[in-house]
């Protein structure tokens, strides 16, 4: 398995104030050395065993810039620099099936989660769909992952006066009961992509770690194949009600609709005044609405994604091309991965079941919108759109186009833009690729690292870090046997890789499976 991992960048975070790196032309024989001008006593801390580089200890209280400047003029020294501090820029949850979720790498989720995971303020994502398996371990009502009515109690009647008895975990609008369980499996995978329980040591990760899921089932359990305008509008209105009636618990609301009316892709469905008014009402309540652009592979108008104000999401492949099934046109706003989306499956399992579609692209974007609102709960729907669109990776023709919209979602750039108003250049640094990945430690097997041609060069130096940022191995070759500096095999887990050559540097990660 070859994973091109571009989200594991490293950010320099100042330097150690009492250490300096020196590459010697003629190194001192003693471990103590006095600088010729300032007469400072330095002590050798470590030989790096690489091209005469050594780490030296400085006395406290001296300006690093002045010392570096002085030593650069010393004829015995080839190069000198501070011992910069690096931290892994990217946050990895501990969900064991994470490596199956290739789409998270594509959207730079690990870098994005460094800014926000959904815990700053409460958010809820309404899943208007076939229902959700709320007994699933990664979408469980028992762990409060699913939106739970803070007023209604079981057997208590209509405690909050909304005309629905015991609507504890959303509502089955099609069958008019309080059991919005999934009648097909579609809504469960959609909910998982948006916000499966994350960093819980179980299953998979969602785009937003901590957003609650509000199941609103609009397909009847008998058949589970068609919904209607009346129920679509009712579901939207329920989401608006929940966001206002129980605002402190629900937090900011995002609506995801991975459904569509296309008249079998031959002609557009007529617009519904009822649906239009419901959508307008939600937007007036500052609720972003994200919808699947459709799977017709043509420009036939798809509803609800083509309604004004709705963010229409197309689907891309693992290679950032437009998926063959993805609808496109003037109302395509943004795209996201929509093939081989791995997640929670109806009945408690995990997988994909060969289910590809814009249905699964949309909730990835909905999760991103929820992260923005968790970080900035006063943001408007217009601001959410601007950050999503301006942070996207431009694909296809330069600027917005009818195939990719404003581009493919980039969570790192989007959340950086929302928080700081800018996109840091480190989000675009070169990739280091590990082959094989995952890497299983065997006696005769090694993992090999490669970099883009723009970075490839001589004098390669490879550093392996654990997720705590500790350097566990430094190499002068582009392969690794899975051992640390002491010669012992590392434990199973994710390791960060930094490759540096004369022409630049690249970063990546490798999943190690110890035997």
Protein backbone atom coordinates (compact mmCIF):
# COMPACT_ATOMS: atom_id res chain seq x y z
CA UNK A 1 0.00 0.00 0.00
CA UNK A 2 1.49 3.30 -1.09
CA UNK A 3 0.08 6.35 0.64
CA UNK A 4 1.17 9.80 -0.45
CA UNK A 5 0.94 11.68 2.78
CA UNK A 6 1.11 15.42 2.38
CA UNK A 7 -0.54 16.64 5.54
CA UNK A 8 2.29 15.78 7.92
CA UNK A 9 4.22 19.01 7.73
CA UNK A 10 6.52 20.27 10.44
CA UNK A 11 6.35 23.76 11.84
CA UNK A 12 9.44 25.34 13.30
CA UNK A 13 8.58 26.61 16.76
CA UNK A 14 11.67 28.65 17.78
CA UNK A 15 14.83 26.92 18.99
CA UNK A 16 16.44 25.55 22.11
CA UNK A 17 17.97 28.62 23.80
CA UNK A 18 21.01 26.78 25.17
CA UNK A 19 21.99 24.53 22.23
CA UNK A 20 23.68 25.13 18.90
CA UNK A 21 24.47 22.90 15.92
CA UNK A 22 27.96 23.11 14.43
CA UNK A 23 29.38 21.49 11.31
CA UNK A 24 33.14 21.44 11.77
CA UNK A 25 35.97 21.72 9.31
CA UNK A 26 38.36 21.05 12.19
CA UNK A 27 36.66 20.02 15.41
CA UNK A 28 38.14 20.54 18.91
CA UNK A 29 39.60 17.46 20.54
CA UNK A 30 38.26 18.39 23.97
CA UNK A 31 34.59 18.39 24.94
CA UNK A 32 34.90 21.99 26.16
CA UNK A 33 35.65 24.84 23.77
CA UNK A 34 36.04 28.58 24.23
CA UNK A 35 34.79 30.82 21.44
CA UNK A 36 37.58 33.09 20.14
CA UNK A 37 35.83 36.46 20.37
CA UNK A 38 33.15 36.41 23.05
CA UNK A 39 35.09 33.91 25.18
CA UNK A 40 32.08 31.77 25.87
CA UNK A 41 32.61 28.22 27.07
CA UNK A 42 30.68 25.63 25.04
CA UNK A 43 30.40 21.97 25.92
CA UNK A 44 29.99 19.20 23.36
CA UNK A 45 26.64 17.50 23.97
CA UNK A 46 26.40 15.00 21.14
CA UNK A 47 28.17 13.91 17.97
CA UNK A 48 25.57 13.41 15.26
CA UNK A 49 27.79 11.10 13.18
CA UNK A 50 26.82 12.90 10.01
CA UNK A 51 29.24 15.07 8.02
CA UNK A 52 31.02 16.39 11.15
CA UNK A 53 27.85 17.83 12.67
CA UNK A 54 27.76 18.11 16.47
CA UNK A 55 25.40 19.47 19.07
CA UNK A 56 26.95 21.88 21.59
CA UNK A 57 25.65 23.25 24.86
CA UNK A 58 25.71 27.02 25.37
CA UNK A 59 25.82 28.99 28.62
CA UNK A 60 22.47 30.52 29.54
CA UNK A 61 21.56 34.12 28.87
CA UNK A 62 23.30 34.79 25.56
CA UNK A 63 21.67 36.00 22.33
CA UNK A 64 21.55 33.21 19.78
CA UNK A 65 21.82 35.56 16.80
CA UNK A 66 25.06 37.06 18.08
CA UNK A 67 26.65 33.67 18.75
CA UNK A 68 25.66 32.31 15.34
CA UNK A 69 26.99 35.43 13.64
CA UNK A 70 30.30 35.15 15.47
CA UNK A 71 30.82 31.46 14.79
CA UNK A 72 30.02 31.77 11.10
CA UNK A 73 33.24 33.76 10.80
CA UNK A 74 35.35 31.10 12.50
CA UNK A 75 37.64 29.38 9.98
CA UNK A 76 37.28 26.01 11.75
CA UNK A 77 33.50 25.95 11.25
CA UNK A 78 31.73 25.02 8.00
CA UNK A 79 28.26 25.93 9.21
CA UNK A 80 26.44 26.85 12.41
CA UNK A 81 22.76 27.19 13.23
CA UNK A 82 20.35 27.09 16.18
CA UNK A 83 18.88 23.76 17.23
CA UNK A 84 15.40 24.54 15.95
CA UNK A 85 12.37 23.01 17.59
CA UNK A 86 9.87 21.16 15.47
CA UNK A 87 6.50 19.77 16.28
CA UNK A 88 4.38 17.52 14.13
CA UNK A 89 1.77 19.65 12.43
CA UNK A 90 -1.11 17.27 12.31
CA UNK A 91 -3.30 15.61 14.84
CA UNK A 92 -3.86 11.86 14.67
CA UNK A 93 -6.79 10.32 16.53
CA UNK A 94 -6.42 6.83 17.98
CA UNK A 95 -9.19 5.17 15.97
CA UNK A 96 -7.77 1.80 14.83
CA UNK A 97 -9.40 1.80 11.36
CA UNK A 98 -8.09 5.24 10.51
CA UNK A 99 -5.71 3.95 7.83
CA UNK A 100 -8.71 2.80 5.76
CA UNK A 101 -10.04 6.35 5.50
CA UNK A 102 -7.96 7.54 2.55
CA UNK A 103 -10.16 10.61 2.08
CA UNK A 104 -8.83 12.14 5.30
CA UNK A 105 -5.35 12.31 3.78
CA UNK A 106 -6.69 13.84 0.58
CA UNK A 107 -8.46 16.71 2.35
CA UNK A 108 -5.48 17.38 4.67
CA UNK A 109 -7.60 16.53 7.70
CA UNK A 110 -4.66 15.81 10.00
CA UNK A 111 -3.26 19.29 9.50
CA UNK A 112 -6.73 20.81 9.81
CA UNK A 113 -7.37 19.09 13.12
CA UNK A 114 -4.38 20.93 14.52
CA UNK A 115 -6.62 24.02 14.45
CA UNK A 116 -9.95 22.51 15.52
CA UNK A 117 -11.51 19.11 16.18
CA UNK A 118 -14.96 20.32 17.20
CA UNK A 119 -14.55 20.73 20.94
CA UNK A 120 -14.37 24.51 21.25
CA UNK A 121 -18.14 25.02 21.20
CA UNK A 122 -21.07 22.66 20.51
CA UNK A 123 -22.25 21.92 16.98
CA UNK A 124 -24.81 19.55 15.52
CA UNK A 125 -25.07 18.11 12.01
CA UNK A 126 -28.60 17.23 10.90
CA UNK A 127 -28.49 14.14 8.68
CA UNK A 128 -31.60 14.28 6.48
CA UNK A 129 -31.47 10.81 5.01
CA UNK A 130 -32.51 7.17 5.42
CA UNK A 131 -31.94 7.32 9.18
CA UNK A 132 -28.90 6.55 11.29
CA UNK A 133 -27.93 3.40 13.19
CA UNK A 134 -27.85 5.04 16.61
CA UNK A 135 -26.89 1.74 18.25
CA UNK A 136 -23.62 1.69 16.29
CA UNK A 137 -20.59 2.00 18.55
CA UNK A 138 -19.28 5.04 16.61
CA UNK A 139 -22.69 6.74 16.38
CA UNK A 140 -24.18 5.64 19.66
CA UNK A 141 -26.90 7.43 21.57
CA UNK A 142 -25.48 5.75 24.67
CA UNK A 143 -22.30 7.84 24.39
CA UNK A 144 -24.22 11.05 23.53
CA UNK A 145 -22.76 11.10 20.02
CA UNK A 146 -26.27 11.38 18.66
CA UNK A 147 -28.25 14.52 19.45
CA UNK A 148 -30.36 13.78 22.50
CA UNK A 149 -33.41 15.90 23.25
CA UNK A 150 -32.49 17.71 26.49
CA UNK A 151 -36.14 18.08 27.53
CA UNK A 152 -38.11 15.05 26.40
CA UNK A 153 -37.76 11.88 28.44
CA UNK A 154 -38.89 8.40 27.52
CA UNK A 155 -42.57 7.92 28.29
CA UNK A 156 -42.94 11.57 29.22
CA UNK A 157 -45.10 12.66 26.30
CA UNK A 158 -44.46 15.84 24.35
CA UNK A 159 -42.38 17.63 26.97
CA UNK A 160 -41.09 20.42 24.74
CA UNK A 161 -44.37 21.06 22.93
CA UNK A 162 -43.21 20.44 19.38
CA UNK A 163 -46.02 18.02 18.58
CA UNK A 164 -43.79 14.96 18.71
CA UNK A 165 -43.95 12.47 21.57
CA UNK A 166 -40.61 11.28 22.94
CA UNK A 167 -38.48 12.59 20.08
CA UNK A 168 -35.43 11.57 22.04
CA UNK A 169 -32.89 11.22 19.19
CA UNK A 170 -34.36 13.11 16.27
CA UNK A 171 -37.42 11.93 14.37
CA UNK A 172 -38.61 9.49 11.72
CA UNK A 173 -40.55 12.02 9.70
CA UNK A 174 -41.62 9.57 7.01
CA UNK A 175 -43.19 7.12 9.48
CA UNK A 176 -44.01 9.77 12.09
CA UNK A 177 -42.39 8.03 15.04
CA UNK A 178 -39.40 8.46 17.33
CA UNK A 179 -37.26 5.69 15.80
CA UNK A 180 -35.06 7.28 13.09
CA UNK A 181 -33.13 4.02 12.61
CA UNK A 182 -31.51 3.44 9.24
CA UNK A 183 -33.71 1.52 6.79
CA UNK A 184 -31.01 1.21 4.12
CA UNK A 185 -27.51 1.88 5.47
CA UNK A 186 -27.00 5.03 3.44
CA UNK A 187 -27.58 7.52 6.25
CA UNK A 188 -25.27 5.68 8.64
CA UNK A 189 -22.25 5.99 6.33
CA UNK A 190 -23.17 9.62 5.62
CA UNK A 191 -23.30 10.37 9.35
CA UNK A 192 -20.00 8.56 9.88
CA UNK A 193 -18.22 10.62 7.22
CA UNK A 194 -19.48 13.81 8.82
CA UNK A 195 -18.85 13.02 12.47
CA UNK A 196 -18.24 9.47 13.63
CA UNK A 197 -17.07 9.35 17.25
CA UNK A 198 -13.37 10.12 16.97
CA UNK A 199 -10.32 9.55 19.16
CA UNK A 200 -12.28 7.00 21.17
CA UNK A 201 -10.01 4.04 20.40
CA UNK A 202 -12.77 2.41 18.36
CA UNK A 203 -13.57 2.21 14.68
CA UNK A 204 -13.15 5.23 12.42
CA UNK A 205 -12.81 9.00 12.54
CA UNK A 206 -15.28 11.60 11.30
CA UNK A 207 -14.35 14.91 9.69
CA UNK A 208 -15.63 16.67 12.79
CA UNK A 209 -14.69 14.78 15.93
CA UNK A 210 -17.26 16.05 18.36
CA UNK A 211 -20.28 17.36 16.44
CA UNK A 212 -23.50 15.67 17.46
CA UNK A 213 -25.53 13.87 14.81
CA UNK A 214 -29.25 14.68 14.50
CA UNK A 215 -30.96 11.84 12.57
CA UNK A 216 -33.94 13.02 10.52
CA UNK A 217 -35.34 10.09 8.57
CA UNK A 218 -37.33 11.06 5.46
CA UNK A 219 -37.54 7.63 3.80
CA UNK A 220 -40.27 5.22 4.98
CA UNK A 221 -39.08 1.95 6.46
CA UNK A 222 -41.29 0.06 4.03
CA UNK A 223 -39.33 0.28 0.81
CA UNK A 224 -36.90 2.99 1.90
CA UNK A 225 -36.50 4.13 -1.70
CA UNK A 226 -38.29 7.45 -2.12
CA UNK A 227 -38.95 10.55 -0.04
CA UNK A 228 -41.12 13.55 -0.84
CA UNK A 229 -41.05 17.33 -0.66
CA UNK A 230 -43.32 17.47 2.38
CA UNK A 231 -40.92 15.36 4.45
CA UNK A 232 -37.81 17.12 3.15
CA UNK A 233 -39.25 20.46 4.25
CA UNK A 234 -40.39 19.01 7.57
CA UNK A 235 -36.87 17.71 8.27
CA UNK A 236 -35.32 21.08 7.50
CA UNK A 237 -37.84 22.78 9.77
CA UNK A 238 -37.10 20.30 12.58
CA UNK A 239 -33.41 21.13 12.35
CA UNK A 240 -34.23 24.84 12.56
CA UNK A 241 -36.48 24.18 15.55
CA UNK A 242 -33.78 22.18 17.36
CA UNK A 243 -31.20 24.88 16.77
CA UNK A 244 -33.44 27.56 18.28
CA UNK A 245 -35.50 25.73 20.93
CA UNK A 246 -32.47 23.92 22.39
CA UNK A 247 -29.74 26.28 21.22
CA UNK A 248 -27.42 26.01 24.22
CA UNK A 249 -27.31 22.22 23.89
CA UNK A 250 -27.44 21.93 20.12
CA UNK A 251 -25.03 24.77 19.42
CA UNK A 252 -24.60 25.82 15.81
CA UNK A 253 -26.47 23.64 13.33
CA UNK A 254 -25.34 22.36 9.93
CA UNK A 255 -27.76 20.54 7.61
CA UNK A 256 -26.56 17.76 5.32
CA UNK A 257 -28.81 16.43 2.56
CA UNK A 258 -27.29 13.56 0.60
CA UNK A 259 -30.50 13.15 -1.36
CA UNK A 260 -31.62 14.38 -4.76
CA UNK A 261 -34.47 14.67 -7.22
CA UNK A 262 -33.37 14.32 -10.87
CA UNK A 263 -36.18 12.51 -12.75
CA UNK A 264 -33.77 9.62 -13.35
CA UNK A 265 -31.09 12.03 -14.63
CA UNK A 266 -33.04 12.75 -17.83
CA UNK A 267 -34.53 16.10 -16.84
CA UNK A 268 -34.62 18.40 -13.85
CA UNK A 269 -37.28 18.11 -11.19
CA UNK A 270 -39.41 21.23 -10.83
CA UNK A 271 -38.56 23.47 -7.93
CA UNK A 272 -40.81 23.26 -4.90
CA UNK A 273 -42.03 26.45 -3.26
CA UNK A 274 -42.34 24.54 0.02
CA UNK A 275 -38.73 23.34 -0.10
CA UNK A 276 -37.50 26.77 -1.19
CA UNK A 277 -39.20 28.46 1.75
CA UNK A 278 -37.88 25.86 4.20
CA UNK A 279 -34.33 26.33 2.88
CA UNK A 280 -34.65 30.11 3.00
CA UNK A 281 -35.88 29.84 6.58
CA UNK A 282 -32.88 27.72 7.59
CA UNK A 283 -30.43 30.13 5.96
CA UNK A 284 -32.21 33.03 7.67
CA UNK A 285 -31.46 31.23 10.94
CA UNK A 286 -27.77 31.16 9.95
CA UNK A 287 -27.70 27.41 9.22
CA UNK A 288 -25.37 26.27 6.42
CA UNK A 289 -27.00 23.68 4.14
CA UNK A 290 -24.75 21.22 2.30
CA UNK A 291 -26.17 18.88 -0.33
CA UNK A 292 -24.88 16.19 -2.68
CA UNK A 293 -24.57 17.48 -6.26
CA UNK A 294 -25.92 14.21 -7.65
CA UNK A 295 -24.66 11.11 -9.42
CA UNK A 296 -25.94 11.70 -12.96
CA UNK A 297 -22.58 12.53 -14.50
CA UNK A 298 -24.17 15.37 -16.49
CA UNK A 299 -25.48 18.92 -16.08
CA UNK A 300 -29.10 18.04 -15.33
CA UNK A 301 -30.30 20.23 -12.48
CA UNK A 302 -30.30 18.38 -9.15
CA UNK A 303 -32.39 19.40 -6.15
CA UNK A 304 -31.91 20.29 -3.35
CA UNK A 305 -28.23 21.02 -4.18
CA UNK A 306 -29.18 23.51 -6.91
CA UNK A 307 -31.42 25.67 -4.74
CA UNK A 308 -29.96 29.14 -4.11
CA UNK A 309 -28.01 29.27 -0.87
CA UNK A 310 -27.32 25.52 -0.73
CA UNK A 311 -23.68 24.41 -1.00
CA UNK A 312 -23.60 21.82 -3.78
CA UNK A 313 -20.82 19.23 -3.43
CA UNK A 314 -19.40 17.15 -6.28
CA UNK A 315 -17.24 14.05 -5.95
CA UNK A 316 -13.57 13.47 -6.73
CA UNK A 317 -11.48 10.32 -6.89
CA UNK A 318 -8.34 9.36 -5.00
CA UNK A 319 -6.31 11.07 -7.76
CA UNK A 320 -8.24 14.36 -7.58
CA UNK A 321 -10.05 13.82 -10.86
CA UNK A 322 -13.79 14.34 -11.10
CA UNK A 323 -15.62 11.09 -10.41
CA UNK A 324 -17.32 9.80 -13.56
CA UNK A 325 -20.70 9.73 -11.84
CA UNK A 326 -20.49 13.24 -10.34
CA UNK A 327 -23.01 15.76 -11.64
CA UNK A 328 -21.61 19.16 -12.50
CA UNK A 329 -22.69 22.57 -13.66
CA UNK A 330 -22.99 26.20 -12.64
CA UNK A 331 -24.26 25.29 -9.16
CA UNK A 332 -21.24 23.13 -8.28
CA UNK A 333 -19.69 24.97 -5.35
CA UNK A 334 -16.98 22.62 -4.07
CA UNK A 335 -15.88 19.01 -4.40
CA UNK A 336 -14.64 16.38 -1.95
CA UNK A 337 -13.63 12.71 -2.15
CA UNK A 338 -16.58 10.48 -3.01
CA UNK A 339 -15.06 7.11 -3.88
CA UNK A 340 -14.18 4.30 -1.46
CA UNK A 341 -15.33 6.29 1.57
CA UNK A 342 -14.81 3.96 4.51
CA UNK A 343 -16.88 4.35 7.67
CA UNK A 344 -19.59 3.05 9.97
CA UNK A 345 -21.96 0.53 8.40
CA UNK A 346 -25.54 -0.24 9.35
CA UNK A 347 -25.71 -3.06 11.87
CA UNK A 348 -22.59 -2.17 13.82
CA UNK A 349 -19.84 -3.03 11.35
CA UNK A 350 -17.43 -0.85 9.33
CA UNK A 351 -16.76 -0.75 5.62
CA UNK A 352 -17.78 0.76 2.32
CA UNK A 353 -20.02 -1.82 0.58
CA UNK A 354 -18.95 -0.39 -2.81
CA UNK A 355 -21.03 2.67 -2.04
CA UNK A 356 -19.54 5.62 -3.95
CA UNK A 357 -21.26 8.91 -4.64
CA UNK A 358 -21.61 12.60 -3.98
CA UNK A 359 -23.72 11.42 -1.04
CA UNK A 360 -20.48 10.84 0.83
CA UNK A 361 -18.67 13.92 -0.46
CA UNK A 362 -21.30 16.22 1.02
CA UNK A 363 -21.01 15.11 4.68
CA UNK A 364 -17.22 15.52 4.53
CA UNK A 365 -17.84 19.17 3.68
CA UNK A 366 -20.61 19.36 6.29
CA UNK A 367 -18.13 18.16 8.89
CA UNK A 368 -15.71 20.88 7.79
CA UNK A 369 -18.45 23.51 8.13
CA UNK A 370 -19.18 22.23 11.64
CA UNK A 371 -15.50 22.57 12.58
CA UNK A 372 -15.55 26.19 11.44
CA UNK A 373 -18.63 26.87 13.55
CA UNK A 374 -17.17 25.12 16.57
CA UNK A 375 -14.09 27.32 16.30
CA UNK A 376 -16.05 30.48 15.44
CA UNK A 377 -19.63 30.06 16.71
CA UNK A 378 -20.65 33.56 15.61
CA UNK A 379 -19.64 32.98 11.97
CA UNK A 380 -22.28 33.65 9.32
CA UNK A 381 -23.23 31.21 6.59
CA UNK A 382 -21.57 33.56 4.10
CA UNK A 383 -18.31 33.43 6.03
CA UNK A 384 -18.46 29.64 6.23
CA UNK A 385 -18.87 29.51 2.45
CA UNK A 386 -15.99 31.92 1.86
CA UNK A 387 -13.59 29.94 4.04
CA UNK A 388 -14.59 26.63 2.48
CA UNK A 389 -14.27 27.98 -1.07
CA UNK A 390 -11.14 30.09 -0.60
CA UNK A 391 -9.36 27.31 1.28
CA UNK A 392 -10.10 24.67 -1.37
CA UNK A 393 -7.38 23.30 -3.65
CA UNK A 394 -8.08 24.62 -7.13
CA UNK A 395 -8.58 21.80 -9.65
CA UNK A 396 -9.42 21.94 -13.34
CA UNK A 397 -9.50 25.35 -14.97
CA UNK A 398 -7.97 28.18 -12.98
CA UNK A 399 -10.51 29.66 -10.59
CA UNK A 400 -14.07 28.46 -10.18
CA UNK A 401 -15.34 26.11 -12.89
CA UNK A 402 -18.44 24.00 -13.45
CA UNK A 403 -16.70 20.68 -12.80
CA UNK A 404 -14.84 21.29 -9.53
CA UNK A 405 -16.52 24.47 -8.34
CA UNK A 406 -14.06 26.41 -6.21
CA UNK A 407 -11.93 23.29 -5.78
CA UNK A 408 -11.47 20.25 -3.60
CA UNK A 409 -11.89 20.71 0.14
CA UNK A 410 -8.62 21.29 2.02
CA UNK A 411 -9.35 21.23 5.74
CA UNK A 412 -5.91 22.50 6.72
CA UNK A 413 -6.12 25.59 4.53
CA UNK A 414 -9.80 26.22 5.30
CA UNK A 415 -9.42 26.17 9.07
CA UNK A 416 -6.19 28.17 8.94
CA UNK A 417 -7.98 30.76 6.81
CA UNK A 418 -10.91 30.87 9.23
CA UNK A 419 -8.72 31.25 12.29
CA UNK A 420 -5.92 33.48 11.04
CA UNK A 421 -7.20 34.97 7.82
CA UNK A 422 -4.29 33.48 5.89
CA UNK A 423 -3.05 30.21 4.48
CA UNK A 424 0.42 29.28 5.79
CA UNK A 425 2.90 28.16 3.17
CA UNK A 426 3.74 25.07 5.22
CA UNK A 427 0.45 23.57 4.06
CA UNK A 428 1.99 23.09 0.64
CA UNK A 429 5.35 21.58 1.56
CA UNK A 430 6.69 18.59 -0.35
CA UNK A 431 5.56 15.06 0.37
CA UNK A 432 7.63 12.18 1.60
CA UNK A 433 6.24 8.81 0.51
CA UNK A 434 6.82 5.61 2.49
CA UNK A 435 6.78 2.26 0.69
CA UNK A 436 5.36 -0.05 1.95
CA UNK A 437 2.83 1.76 4.11
CA UNK A 438 1.70 0.23 6.49
CA UNK A 439 5.17 -1.12 7.22
CA UNK A 440 5.30 -4.48 9.00
CA UNK A 441 8.58 -4.96 10.80
CA UNK A 442 10.23 -8.16 9.60
CA UNK A 443 13.82 -9.31 9.83
CA UNK A 444 14.52 -8.82 6.13
CA UNK A 445 12.10 -5.99 5.32
CA UNK A 446 12.75 -2.25 5.26
CA UNK A 447 10.56 0.74 4.49
CA UNK A 448 11.87 3.06 1.77
CA UNK A 449 11.22 6.80 1.62
CA UNK A 450 11.02 8.77 -1.59
CA UNK A 451 10.42 12.45 -2.29
CA UNK A 452 9.23 14.61 -5.18
CA UNK A 453 11.77 15.36 -7.92
CA UNK A 454 11.81 19.00 -6.81
CA UNK A 455 13.30 17.94 -3.48
CA UNK A 456 15.41 14.95 -4.51
CA UNK A 457 19.10 15.54 -4.05
CA UNK A 458 22.31 14.38 -2.41
CA UNK A 459 23.23 14.25 1.29
CA UNK A 460 19.87 12.84 2.34
CA UNK A 461 19.03 12.95 6.01
CA UNK A 462 15.96 11.17 7.39
CA UNK A 463 14.47 11.81 10.82
CA UNK A 464 11.80 9.58 12.35
CA UNK A 465 9.59 11.10 15.07
CA UNK A 466 6.90 9.57 17.26
CA UNK A 467 3.59 11.39 17.68
CA UNK A 468 4.91 13.11 20.80
CA UNK A 469 7.49 14.84 18.62
CA UNK A 470 10.45 12.89 20.02
CA UNK A 471 13.21 12.03 17.55
CA UNK A 472 13.61 8.26 17.67
CA UNK A 473 15.92 7.66 14.71
CA UNK A 474 18.15 9.68 12.39
CA UNK A 475 19.37 8.10 9.15
CA UNK A 476 21.66 9.00 6.28
CA UNK A 477 19.89 6.63 3.88
CA UNK A 478 16.35 6.55 2.52
CA UNK A 479 15.38 3.25 4.14
CA UNK A 480 14.57 2.19 7.67
CA UNK A 481 14.37 -1.19 9.39
CA UNK A 482 11.91 -0.05 12.06
CA UNK A 483 14.37 0.25 14.93
CA UNK A 484 15.19 3.19 17.16
CA UNK A 485 18.62 4.66 17.88
CA UNK A 486 19.19 1.96 20.51
CA UNK A 487 18.62 -0.78 17.95
CA UNK A 488 15.27 -1.95 19.33
CA UNK A 489 12.17 -2.35 17.17
CA UNK A 490 9.66 0.44 17.68
CA UNK A 491 6.13 -0.27 18.84
CA UNK A 492 3.11 -0.27 16.55
CA UNK A 493 1.77 3.15 15.66
CA UNK A 494 2.05 6.19 13.43
CA UNK A 495 5.48 7.74 12.92
CA UNK A 496 6.32 11.06 11.32
CA UNK A 497 9.08 11.28 8.73
CA UNK A 498 11.19 14.27 7.69
CA UNK A 499 13.50 13.90 4.69
CA UNK A 500 16.06 16.63 4.06
CA UNK A 501 18.40 16.86 1.05
CA UNK A 502 20.60 19.54 -0.46
CA UNK A 503 17.60 20.63 -2.53
CA UNK A 504 14.99 20.94 0.21
CA UNK A 505 12.87 18.90 2.57
CA UNK A 506 9.70 16.83 2.61
CA UNK A 507 7.48 15.35 5.28
CA UNK A 508 5.21 12.34 5.53
CA UNK A 509 4.18 9.55 7.86
CA UNK A 510 4.33 5.80 8.05
CA UNK A 511 2.08 3.39 9.91
CA UNK A 512 4.23 0.73 11.60
CA UNK A 513 2.83 -2.66 12.55
CA UNK A 514 5.22 -4.44 14.92
CA UNK A 515 5.30 -8.23 14.90
